[in-house]
C-alpha cells in the first residue's frame, strides 16, 4: 500500500471516528448534550428504505368530469397558453415572509392544490387558475379552505376563477371567459418583459 492509499484510509477513518463523537485532537470533556430524537418527518437514510412500497398508480388520474373539462380547456386557451392540472399551492406560491398572524393561514395551504393553473408559455409565467366547485353545500371547513385559497391568490395578484363543475362548459363558453381575462394578462406580461 503506497503513501497516498494510506493517507486516504487514515482520512476516511478520522472522518468516521469524528462523526461518531471521537475527538482526534486534544482531550475534551465528553459531550453531554441531550439531543432530540430525529423527527418522524425527517428523511430516512437511503439504506433504511424498504425494498418495496405499498403504492399503486391512481387511475384514473382525473374524474370523468375533470378529464372532459381539461380537454375543453386546452382547446379554449388562446395561443401561447398552457394549462397544468392539480398544482399544489406550495409549488405555485413563494412565501416571502411568515409573520405570526399569517403562519396559520400559510400552514393551512400546505397540502392544498388548485384544479388547473394557466401559464403563458413565454417564461411559463402563471396568469390564472381555475377551481371547479361542486353543487354540494360547503361545510365550514371547506369554506375556510376556500377563503384561505382566495386570500393567497388575491395576495399574490393572481386571478382565481371558480366554475361550477356541474355546468356544461363548452369550448365557446370557456373561450369567452378566458380570453377576456388572459388577453390583458398577456399584454401586461409582454409590457413587463420589454420594460
Protein backbone atom coordinates (compact mmCIF):
# COMPACT_ATOMS: atom_id res chain seq x y z
CA UNK A 1 0.00 0.00 0.00
CA UNK A 2 1.55 3.32 -1.01
CA UNK A 3 1.51 6.61 0.94
CA UNK A 4 -1.46 8.01 -1.00
CA UNK A 5 -3.68 4.99 -0.21
CA UNK A 6 -2.58 5.04 3.44
CA UNK A 7 -3.39 8.76 3.68
CA UNK A 8 -6.82 8.23 2.15
CA UNK A 9 -7.62 5.37 4.53
CA UNK A 10 -6.49 7.42 7.54
CA UNK A 11 -8.62 10.37 6.37
CA UNK A 12 -11.71 8.20 6.00
CA UNK A 13 -11.11 6.59 9.40
CA UNK A 14 -10.66 10.02 11.00
CA UNK A 15 -13.89 11.28 9.46
CA UNK A 16 -15.79 8.22 10.66
CA UNK A 17 -14.40 8.50 14.19
CA UNK A 18 -15.13 12.22 14.34
CA UNK A 19 -18.68 11.62 13.11
CA UNK A 20 -19.14 9.01 15.83
CA UNK A 21 -18.14 11.51 18.52
CA UNK A 22 -14.44 10.71 18.97
CA UNK A 23 -12.00 13.58 19.20
CA UNK A 24 -8.75 13.27 17.29
CA UNK A 25 -7.20 16.39 18.76
CA UNK A 26 -6.58 17.28 22.40
CA UNK A 27 -8.78 15.68 25.01
CA UNK A 28 -12.06 17.42 25.73
CA UNK A 29 -14.89 16.68 28.09
CA UNK A 30 -17.47 14.32 26.62
CA UNK A 31 -20.47 15.99 25.03
CA UNK A 32 -23.41 15.54 27.40
CA UNK A 33 -25.89 17.46 25.25
CA UNK A 34 -29.27 15.79 25.11
CA UNK A 35 -30.29 15.57 21.50
CA UNK A 36 -33.89 15.27 20.41
CA UNK A 37 -34.66 12.08 18.51
CA UNK A 38 -35.00 12.57 14.77
CA UNK A 39 -38.47 13.72 13.81
CA UNK A 40 -40.83 11.34 12.11
CA UNK A 41 -40.87 13.61 9.06
CA UNK A 42 -37.09 13.66 8.55
CA UNK A 43 -35.79 11.72 5.58
CA UNK A 44 -34.62 8.23 6.49
CA UNK A 45 -31.14 7.21 5.37
CA UNK A 46 -31.22 5.67 1.92
CA UNK A 47 -30.15 2.26 3.23
CA UNK A 48 -33.10 2.30 5.69
CA UNK A 49 -35.70 2.48 2.93
CA UNK A 50 -37.59 -0.76 2.29
CA UNK A 51 -37.22 -2.61 -0.98
CA UNK A 52 -40.88 -2.04 -1.85
CA UNK A 53 -43.64 0.45 -1.01
CA UNK A 54 -47.33 -0.45 -0.93
CA UNK A 55 -48.41 2.13 -3.52
CA UNK A 56 -50.15 2.00 -6.85
CA UNK A 57 -50.93 4.50 -9.58
CA UNK A 58 -54.13 6.48 -9.06
CA UNK A 59 -56.32 5.60 -12.04
CA UNK A 60 -57.95 7.40 -13.49
CA UNK A 61 -55.88 10.47 -12.63
CA UNK A 62 -58.94 12.65 -13.36
CA UNK A 63 -62.58 12.03 -12.71
CA UNK A 64 -64.55 11.79 -15.97
CA UNK A 65 -65.83 15.35 -15.47
CA UNK A 66 -62.36 16.76 -14.77
CA UNK A 67 -60.91 14.98 -17.80
CA UNK A 68 -63.63 16.33 -20.09
CA UNK A 69 -63.19 19.84 -18.67
CA UNK A 70 -59.39 19.66 -19.13
CA UNK A 71 -59.72 18.65 -22.81
CA UNK A 72 -62.18 21.50 -23.41
CA UNK A 73 -59.97 23.95 -21.51
CA UNK A 74 -56.93 23.07 -23.63
CA UNK A 75 -58.89 23.74 -26.84
CA UNK A 76 -60.29 27.01 -25.46
CA UNK A 77 -56.98 28.55 -24.37
CA UNK A 78 -55.64 31.37 -26.53
CA UNK A 79 -52.42 30.64 -28.42
CA UNK A 80 -49.38 30.91 -26.19
CA UNK A 81 -51.02 29.49 -23.04
CA UNK A 82 -50.93 26.08 -21.37
CA UNK A 83 -52.92 24.56 -18.51
CA UNK A 84 -51.42 22.37 -15.79
CA UNK A 85 -53.77 20.22 -13.68
CA UNK A 86 -53.64 19.62 -9.92
CA UNK A 87 -50.93 22.10 -8.93
CA UNK A 88 -50.01 22.29 -5.24
CA UNK A 89 -50.17 25.80 -3.85
CA UNK A 90 -46.77 25.30 -2.21
CA UNK A 91 -45.35 24.72 -5.69
CA UNK A 92 -47.08 27.82 -7.01
CA UNK A 93 -46.51 30.42 -4.30
CA UNK A 94 -43.23 31.54 -2.78
CA UNK A 95 -43.58 32.60 0.86
CA UNK A 96 -41.64 35.84 1.23
CA UNK A 97 -42.48 36.47 4.89
CA UNK A 98 -44.23 34.41 7.53
CA UNK A 99 -45.35 36.82 10.21
CA UNK A 100 -47.06 35.19 13.23
CA UNK A 101 -50.63 36.19 12.22
CA UNK A 102 -50.05 34.72 8.75
CA UNK A 103 -48.45 31.43 9.77
CA UNK A 104 -51.72 29.59 10.47
CA UNK A 105 -53.18 30.63 7.09
CA UNK A 106 -49.99 29.59 5.30
CA UNK A 107 -49.91 26.26 7.12
CA UNK A 108 -53.49 25.56 6.06
CA UNK A 109 -52.39 25.83 2.41
CA UNK A 110 -49.56 23.29 2.70
CA UNK A 111 -51.50 20.37 1.20
CA UNK A 112 -53.99 22.33 -0.88
CA UNK A 113 -53.96 22.31 -4.68
CA UNK A 114 -55.66 24.19 -7.46
CA UNK A 115 -57.52 22.24 -10.14
CA UNK A 116 -55.97 23.98 -13.16
CA UNK A 117 -53.17 26.54 -13.42
CA UNK A 118 -52.87 28.55 -16.63
CA UNK A 119 -49.48 29.87 -17.64
CA UNK A 120 -48.26 31.95 -20.56
CA UNK A 121 -45.70 29.85 -22.41
CA UNK A 122 -43.23 32.70 -22.73
CA UNK A 123 -41.41 32.13 -19.44
CA UNK A 124 -44.16 29.87 -18.01
CA UNK A 125 -45.48 32.80 -16.00
CA UNK A 126 -48.72 31.92 -14.10
CA UNK A 127 -51.61 34.16 -15.13
CA UNK A 128 -54.76 32.50 -13.78
CA UNK A 129 -56.15 29.44 -12.05
CA UNK A 130 -59.45 27.60 -12.26
CA UNK A 131 -61.14 25.81 -9.39
CA UNK A 132 -64.10 23.54 -10.15
CA UNK A 133 -66.66 23.65 -7.37
CA UNK A 134 -69.34 21.05 -6.70
CA UNK A 135 -73.02 21.58 -6.17
CA UNK A 136 -72.95 20.25 -2.63
CA UNK A 137 -73.36 22.66 0.25
CA UNK A 138 -69.95 23.64 1.60
CA UNK A 139 -69.15 22.68 5.14
CA UNK A 140 -67.49 25.23 7.43
CA UNK A 141 -64.08 23.56 6.94
CA UNK A 142 -64.40 23.68 3.14
CA UNK A 143 -65.43 27.36 3.29
CA UNK A 144 -62.39 28.13 5.44
CA UNK A 145 -60.07 26.37 2.98
CA UNK A 146 -61.67 28.20 0.05
CA UNK A 147 -61.25 31.54 1.86
CA UNK A 148 -57.56 30.74 2.50
CA UNK A 149 -57.07 29.94 -1.20
CA UNK A 150 -58.85 33.15 -2.21
CA UNK A 151 -56.63 35.11 0.17
CA UNK A 152 -53.44 33.56 -1.25
CA UNK A 153 -54.41 34.30 -4.85
CA UNK A 154 -55.56 37.83 -4.01
CA UNK A 155 -52.34 38.50 -2.06
CA UNK A 156 -50.20 37.30 -4.98
CA UNK A 157 -52.24 39.28 -7.51
CA UNK A 158 -53.18 36.10 -9.41
CA UNK A 159 -56.64 35.55 -10.87
CA UNK A 160 -58.66 32.63 -9.45
CA UNK A 161 -61.80 31.67 -11.36
CA UNK A 162 -64.33 29.41 -9.65
CA UNK A 163 -66.56 27.48 -12.04
CA UNK A 164 -69.41 25.13 -11.22
CA UNK A 165 -68.42 21.57 -12.10
CA UNK A 166 -71.96 20.51 -12.98
CA UNK A 167 -72.43 23.23 -15.61
CA UNK A 168 -71.86 22.45 -19.28
CA UNK A 169 -68.59 24.22 -20.15
CA UNK A 170 -68.14 24.33 -23.91
CA UNK A 171 -65.12 25.48 -25.87
CA UNK A 172 -67.06 28.62 -26.86
CA UNK A 173 -68.13 29.48 -23.29
CA UNK A 174 -64.60 28.93 -21.94
CA UNK A 175 -63.05 30.96 -24.77
CA UNK A 176 -65.37 33.87 -23.97
CA UNK A 177 -64.45 33.68 -20.28
CA UNK A 178 -60.73 33.08 -20.67
CA UNK A 179 -59.96 35.48 -23.49
CA UNK A 180 -61.38 38.44 -21.55
CA UNK A 181 -59.04 37.64 -18.67
CA UNK A 182 -55.99 36.27 -20.44
CA UNK A 183 -55.63 38.81 -23.22
CA UNK A 184 -55.00 41.69 -20.75
CA UNK A 185 -52.67 39.45 -18.73
CA UNK A 186 -50.69 38.67 -21.90
CA UNK A 187 -50.37 42.40 -22.72
CA UNK A 188 -49.31 43.19 -19.13
CA UNK A 189 -46.75 40.38 -19.16
CA UNK A 190 -45.36 41.47 -22.55
CA UNK A 191 -45.06 45.07 -21.32
CA UNK A 192 -43.25 43.92 -18.16
CA UNK A 193 -40.86 41.79 -20.22
CA UNK A 194 -40.00 44.71 -22.51
CA UNK A 195 -39.75 47.28 -19.68
